Every structure is written in C-alpha cells, then in structure tokens.
C-alpha atoms as a PDB file:
ATOM      1  CA  MET A   1      19.392 -21.583  12.714  1.00  0.00           C
ATOM      2  CA  GLU A   2      21.448 -19.238  15.042  1.00  0.00           C
ATOM      3  CA  VAL A   3      24.978 -19.046  14.289  1.00  0.00           C
ATOM      4  CA  THR A   4      26.493 -20.018  17.790  1.00  0.00           C
ATOM      5  CA  ARG A   5      30.184 -19.922  19.075  1.00  0.00           C
ATOM      6  CA  GLU A   6      30.065 -23.733  19.079  1.00  0.00           C
ATOM      7  CA  LEU A   7      29.084 -23.873  15.538  1.00  0.00           C
ATOM      8  CA  LEU A   8      31.727 -21.395  14.507  1.00  0.00           C
ATOM      9  CA  GLU A   9      34.445 -23.287  16.291  1.00  0.00           C
ATOM     10  CA  SER A  10      33.475 -26.720  14.867  1.00  0.00           C
ATOM     11  CA  ALA A  11      33.211 -25.286  11.127  1.00  0.00           C
ATOM     12  CA  GLU A  12      35.719 -26.480   8.566  1.00  0.00           C
ATOM     13  CA  TRP A  13      37.657 -23.281   7.971  1.00  0.00           C
ATOM     14  CA  ARG A  14      39.818 -23.240   5.002  1.00  0.00           C
ATOM     15  CA  LYS A  15      41.889 -20.567   2.954  1.00  0.00           C
ATOM     16  CA  ALA A  16      43.381 -20.399  -0.494  1.00  0.00           C
ATOM     17  CA  ALA A  17      46.211 -22.784  -1.350  1.00  0.00           C
ATOM     18  CA  ARG A  18      48.248 -19.775  -2.584  1.00  0.00           C
ATOM     19  CA  SER A  19      48.001 -17.968   0.716  1.00  0.00           C
ATOM     20  CA  GLY A  20      51.355 -17.236   2.462  1.00  0.00           C
ATOM     21  CA  ALA A  21      52.622 -17.978   5.781  1.00  0.00           C
ATOM     22  CA  ASP A  22      52.514 -14.473   6.842  1.00  0.00           C
ATOM     23  CA  GLY A  23      48.810 -14.423   7.794  1.00  0.00           C
ATOM     24  CA  ASP A  24      47.370 -12.001   5.165  1.00  0.00           C
ATOM     25  CA  CYS A  25      44.542 -14.143   4.447  1.00  0.00           C
ATOM     26  CA  LEU A  26      41.041 -14.827   4.762  1.00  0.00           C
ATOM     27  CA  GLU A  27      39.347 -18.053   5.786  1.00  0.00           C
ATOM     28  CA  VAL A  28      36.042 -19.325   4.708  1.00  0.00           C
ATOM     29  CA  ALA A  29      33.595 -22.102   6.167  1.00  0.00           C
ATOM     30  CA  PRO A  30      30.360 -23.396   4.879  1.00  0.00           C
ATOM     31  CA  LEU A  31      27.533 -23.014   7.600  1.00  0.00           C
ATOM     32  CA  PRO A  32      24.219 -24.461   7.962  1.00  0.00           C
ATOM     33  CA  GLY A  33      21.277 -22.621   6.367  1.00  0.00           C
ATOM     34  CA  GLY A  34      23.133 -21.822   3.046  1.00  0.00           C
ATOM     35  CA  ARG A  35      25.599 -19.407   4.801  1.00  0.00           C
ATOM     36  CA  ILE A  36      29.308 -18.869   4.622  1.00  0.00           C
ATOM     37  CA  GLY A  37      31.579 -17.596   7.456  1.00  0.00           C
ATOM     38  CA  ILE A  38      34.485 -15.331   6.640  1.00  0.00           C
ATOM     39  CA  ARG A  39      37.225 -14.529   9.045  1.00  0.00           C
ATOM     40  CA  ASP A  40      40.721 -12.992   9.071  1.00  0.00           C
ATOM     41  CA  THR A  41      43.512 -15.551   9.753  1.00  0.00           C
ATOM     42  CA  GLU A  42      45.308 -13.147  12.046  1.00  0.00           C
ATOM     43  CA  ARG A  43      42.142 -12.632  14.313  1.00  0.00           C
ATOM     44  CA  PRO A  44      40.353 -16.114  14.365  1.00  0.00           C
ATOM     45  CA  ASP A  45      39.152 -15.401  17.795  1.00  0.00           C
ATOM     46  CA  GLN A  46      37.023 -12.509  16.330  1.00  0.00           C
ATOM     47  CA  THR A  47      33.492 -12.828  15.312  1.00  0.00           C
ATOM     48  CA  PRO A  48      33.360 -13.790  11.658  1.00  0.00           C
ATOM     49  CA  TYR A  49      31.214 -12.259   9.032  1.00  0.00           C
ATOM     50  CA  VAL A  50      28.357 -14.561   7.958  1.00  0.00           C
ATOM     51  CA  VAL A  51      26.740 -13.849   4.594  1.00  0.00           C
ATOM     52  CA  ARG A  52      24.328 -15.906   2.463  1.00  0.00           C
ATOM     53  CA  ALA A  53      26.000 -18.251  -0.080  1.00  0.00           C
ATOM     54  CA  SER A  54      24.533 -16.018  -2.740  1.00  0.00           C
ATOM     55  CA  VAL A  55      26.270 -12.959  -1.505  1.00  0.00           C
ATOM     56  CA  TRP A  56      29.488 -15.050  -1.344  1.00  0.00           C
ATOM     57  CA  ARG A  57      29.138 -16.304  -4.832  1.00  0.00           C
ATOM     58  CA  ALA A  58      28.534 -12.730  -6.230  1.00  0.00           C
ATOM     59  CA  PHE A  59      31.539 -11.611  -4.301  1.00  0.00           C
ATOM     60  CA  ILE A  60      33.797 -14.289  -5.894  1.00  0.00           C
ATOM     61  CA  ASP A  61      32.383 -13.576  -9.311  1.00  0.00           C
ATOM     62  CA  GLY A  62      33.214  -9.879  -8.866  1.00  0.00           C
ATOM     63  CA  ALA A  63      36.814 -10.705  -7.754  1.00  0.00           C
ATOM     64  CA  LYS A  64      37.310 -13.025 -10.779  1.00  0.00           C
ATOM     65  CA  ASN A  65      35.983 -10.189 -13.080  1.00  0.00           C
ATOM     66  CA  GLY A  66      38.183  -7.631 -11.538  1.00  0.00           C
ATOM     67  CA  GLU A  67      35.506  -5.492  -9.957  1.00  0.00           C
ATOM     68  CA  PHE A  68      37.686  -5.034  -6.798  1.00  0.00           C
ATOM     69  CA  ASP A  69      41.017  -4.301  -8.538  1.00  0.00           C
ATOM     70  CA  PHE A  70      42.713  -1.069  -7.545  1.00  0.00           C
END
C-alpha cells in the first residue's frame, strides 16, 4: 500500500506523555502494512519518515539500552 498524503493526514499521531510544550518532540503513528510514521512536532507539514515496525522496535530497544546516549 502506498503512503499517501491523505493517509498521513488521517493517521493517529502521538507523542510521549513527558514531552514538553516547547515542541522538541517526535510524533509517531501506526500506518497500514506494518509501518510506522515518524515526524518532528515542529514541522508536521514535512514528509515524515516511514519505517517498518521491526525497524521502529529495534530503535526503541536501542534507546532503552542506552545505545544512543551521548
């Protein structure tokens, strides 16, 4: 299934409950076909990244394990 503008606009975007009001957040949305959309809250008009759910899970696991800590 193709990811269309209409599909992205109707997606249920959400962000972390702990995210601040300053806009420094990412939003994610489940998409058909086992994909996940990822976008910047400050730029919701830009085309989001779309990855397979398995890629998203690997990223989340890495974040939880500190793989991206500076």
